[in-house]
Protein backbone atom coordinates (compact mmCIF):
# COMPACT_ATOMS: atom_id res chain seq x y z
CA MET A 1 -5.44 32.20 367.41
CA LYS A 2 -9.05 31.44 367.23
CA ARG A 3 -12.10 33.04 368.45
CA LYS A 4 -15.00 31.40 370.67
CA GLY A 5 -18.27 31.37 371.28
CA ALA A 6 -20.72 34.32 369.94
CA ASP A 7 -19.62 34.94 366.26
CA GLU A 8 -22.57 37.15 366.07
CA VAL A 9 -21.02 39.03 369.11
CA GLY A 10 -19.09 42.90 368.50
CA ASP A 11 -17.28 43.57 365.20
CA TYR A 12 -14.10 41.32 366.19
CA ASP A 13 -13.83 40.49 362.70
CA ASP A 14 -13.17 43.99 361.46
CA ALA A 15 -9.89 44.27 359.87
CA PHE A 16 -8.86 47.83 358.92
CA SER A 17 -7.05 50.23 359.41
CA PRO A 18 -7.08 53.13 356.88
CA VAL A 19 -3.82 54.40 355.05
CA PRO A 20 -2.90 57.44 353.22
CA ALA A 21 -3.37 56.94 348.95
CA ALA A 22 -0.59 57.45 347.21
CA SER A 23 -1.54 60.23 346.27
CA GLY A 24 -2.26 61.71 349.70
CA PHE A 25 1.31 60.72 350.80
CA ARG A 26 2.34 62.77 347.51
CA THR A 27 0.24 65.90 348.48
CA ILE A 28 2.35 65.60 352.02
CA LEU A 29 5.63 65.72 349.93
CA SER A 30 4.31 68.27 347.80
CA LEU A 31 2.98 71.46 349.69
CA ALA A 32 6.17 70.78 352.56
CA THR A 33 8.09 71.45 349.64
CA GLN A 34 6.46 74.24 348.46
CA LEU A 35 5.77 75.77 351.63
CA ASP A 36 9.76 74.59 352.53
CA MET A 37 8.53 72.36 355.52
CA PHE A 38 10.81 70.27 357.83
CA THR A 39 9.98 66.33 357.30
CA ASP A 40 10.31 63.80 359.49
CA HIS A 41 10.12 60.07 360.19
CA VAL A 42 8.59 58.04 363.04
CA ASP A 43 8.47 54.76 363.02
CA ILE A 44 6.19 53.08 366.28
CA SER A 45 7.16 49.92 367.43
CA GLN A 46 4.95 47.09 367.93
CA ALA A 47 2.30 49.37 367.12
CA PHE A 48 -0.92 46.90 367.30
CA VAL A 49 0.10 45.95 371.01
CA GLN A 50 0.00 49.41 371.44
CA GLY A 51 -3.43 49.88 370.48
CA GLU A 52 -6.44 49.66 373.20
CA LEU A 53 -9.46 46.90 372.85
CA LEU A 54 -12.12 48.26 371.41
CA PRO A 55 -15.62 47.85 373.52
CA GLY A 56 -17.08 45.71 370.64
CA ASP A 57 -14.59 42.98 370.39
CA GLY A 58 -15.53 39.73 371.76
CA PHE A 59 -18.14 38.86 374.35
CA ASN A 60 -19.08 42.10 376.32
CA GLY A 61 -15.94 44.18 375.29
CA ASN A 62 -13.71 40.97 376.35
CA VAL A 63 -11.69 39.09 374.62
CA TYR A 64 -10.64 35.59 375.58
CA ILE A 65 -8.28 33.04 374.25
CA SER A 66 -6.80 29.63 374.27
CA SER A 67 -2.90 29.10 376.33
CA PRO A 68 -0.59 29.35 374.05
CA PRO A 69 0.70 25.88 372.07
CA GLY A 70 3.67 24.52 374.32
CA TYR A 71 1.84 26.06 377.48
CA GLU A 72 0.54 23.67 379.42
CA GLU A 73 -3.29 24.69 380.08
CA ASP A 74 -4.57 24.70 383.76
CA SER A 75 -8.45 24.51 383.51
CA ARG A 76 -8.51 26.75 386.61
CA TYR A 77 -7.55 29.50 384.39
CA ILE A 78 -9.36 31.59 381.43
CA TYR A 79 -7.32 33.80 379.20
CA ARG A 80 -8.66 37.38 379.01
CA LEU A 81 -6.53 39.80 376.63
CA LEU A 82 -5.62 43.50 377.77
CA LYS A 83 -4.35 44.63 374.77
CA PRO A 84 -4.82 43.51 371.22
CA LEU A 85 -2.55 41.03 369.34
CA TYR A 86 -1.11 40.78 366.25
CA GLY A 87 -2.68 38.10 364.34
CA MET A 88 -6.28 39.61 365.55
CA PRO A 89 -8.18 40.46 363.33
CA SER A 90 -9.46 43.78 364.84
CA ALA A 91 -5.67 44.51 366.39
CA ALA A 92 -5.60 46.82 363.15
CA ARG A 93 -8.19 49.04 363.50
CA ALA A 94 -7.96 48.78 367.71
CA TRP A 95 -4.45 50.55 366.76
CA HIS A 96 -5.96 53.23 364.01
CA THR A 97 -8.36 53.71 366.80
CA THR A 98 -6.11 54.77 369.55
CA MET A 99 -4.07 56.51 367.33
CA SER A 100 -6.85 58.47 366.20
CA ALA A 101 -7.75 59.53 369.59
CA PHE A 102 -4.09 60.88 370.26
CA LEU A 103 -4.30 62.75 367.39
CA GLU A 104 -7.50 64.52 368.19
CA ARG A 105 -6.80 65.13 371.72
CA GLU A 106 -3.70 67.08 370.14
CA GLY A 107 -6.10 68.57 368.25
CA CYS A 108 -5.88 67.65 364.91
CA GLU A 109 -8.15 67.07 362.04
CA THR A 110 -8.66 64.55 359.10
CA VAL A 111 -7.86 65.97 356.24
CA GLY A 112 -10.87 65.41 353.57
CA PHE A 113 -11.41 61.67 352.86
CA GLU A 114 -8.25 60.63 353.98
CA LYS A 115 -8.53 59.09 357.49
CA SER A 116 -4.97 58.64 358.15
CA VAL A 117 -3.84 61.99 356.83
CA TRP A 118 -4.05 64.73 359.46
CA ARG A 119 -3.19 68.44 359.68
CA VAL A 120 -2.87 70.76 362.90
CA VAL A 121 -1.76 74.40 363.95
CA ILE A 122 -0.11 74.94 366.23
CA ASP A 123 1.46 78.59 367.52
CA GLY A 124 0.37 79.24 364.09
CA HIS A 125 2.63 77.02 362.34
CA ARG A 126 0.92 73.98 360.33
CA ILE A 127 1.65 70.48 360.93
CA LEU A 128 1.08 68.32 357.98
CA LEU A 129 1.16 64.52 359.33
CA GLY A 130 0.30 60.56 357.21
CA ALA A 131 0.17 57.81 358.86
CA HIS A 132 0.69 54.57 357.06
CA ILE A 133 -0.09 51.92 360.21
CA ASP A 134 2.75 52.24 362.12
CA ASP A 135 5.17 54.87 359.82
CA PHE A 136 4.69 58.61 360.49
CA VAL A 137 5.74 61.15 358.25
CA ILE A 138 5.21 65.23 360.13
CA ALA A 139 5.68 68.30 358.28
CA CYS A 140 6.25 71.50 359.55
CA ALA A 141 8.07 74.91 359.00
CA ASN A 142 8.92 75.39 362.24
CA ARG A 143 11.52 73.18 363.61
CA PRO A 144 11.03 73.83 367.38
CA VAL A 145 7.09 72.99 366.95
CA LEU A 146 7.74 69.79 364.99
CA ASP A 147 10.25 68.40 367.73
CA ALA A 148 7.65 69.43 370.27
CA PHE A 149 4.99 67.63 368.46
CA ARG A 150 7.26 64.08 367.69
CA LYS A 151 8.33 64.19 371.02
CA ARG A 152 4.03 64.34 372.30
CA LEU A 153 3.62 61.66 370.10
CA LEU A 154 6.81 59.37 370.92
CA GLU A 155 5.37 59.79 374.57
CA ALA A 156 2.27 59.19 373.91
CA PHE A 157 3.62 55.67 372.15
CA GLU A 158 6.91 53.76 372.19
CA GLY A 159 9.03 54.27 369.15
CA THR A 160 11.92 55.55 367.02
CA TYR A 161 12.51 58.96 365.22
CA GLU A 162 14.21 57.87 362.17
CA GLY A 163 15.40 61.32 360.93
CA PRO A 164 14.32 63.51 358.69
CA LEU A 165 12.68 61.79 355.83
CA GLU A 166 15.09 59.85 353.37
CA HIS A 167 12.92 56.30 353.22
CA TYR A 168 9.31 55.59 353.11
CA LEU A 169 7.68 52.68 352.28
CA GLY A 170 9.94 51.81 349.70
CA CYS A 171 10.41 55.00 348.29
CA GLU A 172 13.96 57.25 348.21
CA ILE A 173 13.16 60.76 349.25
CA THR A 174 15.84 63.60 348.68
CA ARG A 175 15.09 67.25 349.38
CA ASP A 176 16.52 69.74 348.41
CA HIS A 177 16.09 73.13 350.38
CA ILE A 178 18.12 75.36 348.56
CA ALA A 179 16.35 74.41 345.38
CA GLY A 180 12.77 73.82 346.64
CA THR A 181 12.31 70.24 345.10
CA THR A 182 11.76 66.70 346.65
CA THR A 183 12.48 63.42 344.58
CA LEU A 184 11.15 60.21 345.10
CA SER A 185 12.99 57.01 343.61
CA GLN A 186 12.31 53.70 343.87
CA LYS A 187 15.21 52.82 342.28
CA HIS A 188 16.58 50.63 344.93
CA TYR A 189 12.92 48.29 345.12
CA ALA A 190 13.00 48.04 340.89
CA GLU A 191 17.11 46.48 341.57
CA GLU A 192 15.81 44.35 344.17
CA ILE A 193 12.56 43.01 341.78
CA PHE A 194 14.65 42.62 338.86
CA ARG A 195 17.17 40.63 341.10
CA SER A 196 14.29 38.12 341.92
CA TYR A 197 13.35 37.01 338.74
CA GLY A 198 17.54 36.88 337.69
CA PHE A 199 18.31 39.99 335.79
């Protein structure tokens, strides 16, 4: 995809989507362990194309593209995007802005300097949420409240409930609710690296 015309218009080239630092993810797991919270994993499908184009994108809020390779161009038409596309520099930012707007409508607020770690209290129960682009960790001590929140998230965005958190960003997570412990391991990831170097 190539950008055409008016290079100085808008913030089309801003290509960021905040993600939690490793310490933010570990803090969510630490609090979930300490407060005996359930932790669920949700994966949003094709997150970038579920975002909304931002007013500052393109020319007067519109992004125009050439026809795809192999498609016969018809000079009578111009192609205006209705949604961000993968490969578009601002797609990650558009997704984060769309996702943030949903979470704010749900009453969530970001935690400190972490723009992808959220918290909200619903019916007296605290929910913690970490969003690494399209992978969500959601923690709450009350299962029905957690299930209802997760359901609203998956009604707003197409995705899948991956079940209780067991794998996240290359980490294997083992919870023991009776002992009150959470163990993180990157054994599989380390083995893959060793294998790639012939060990």
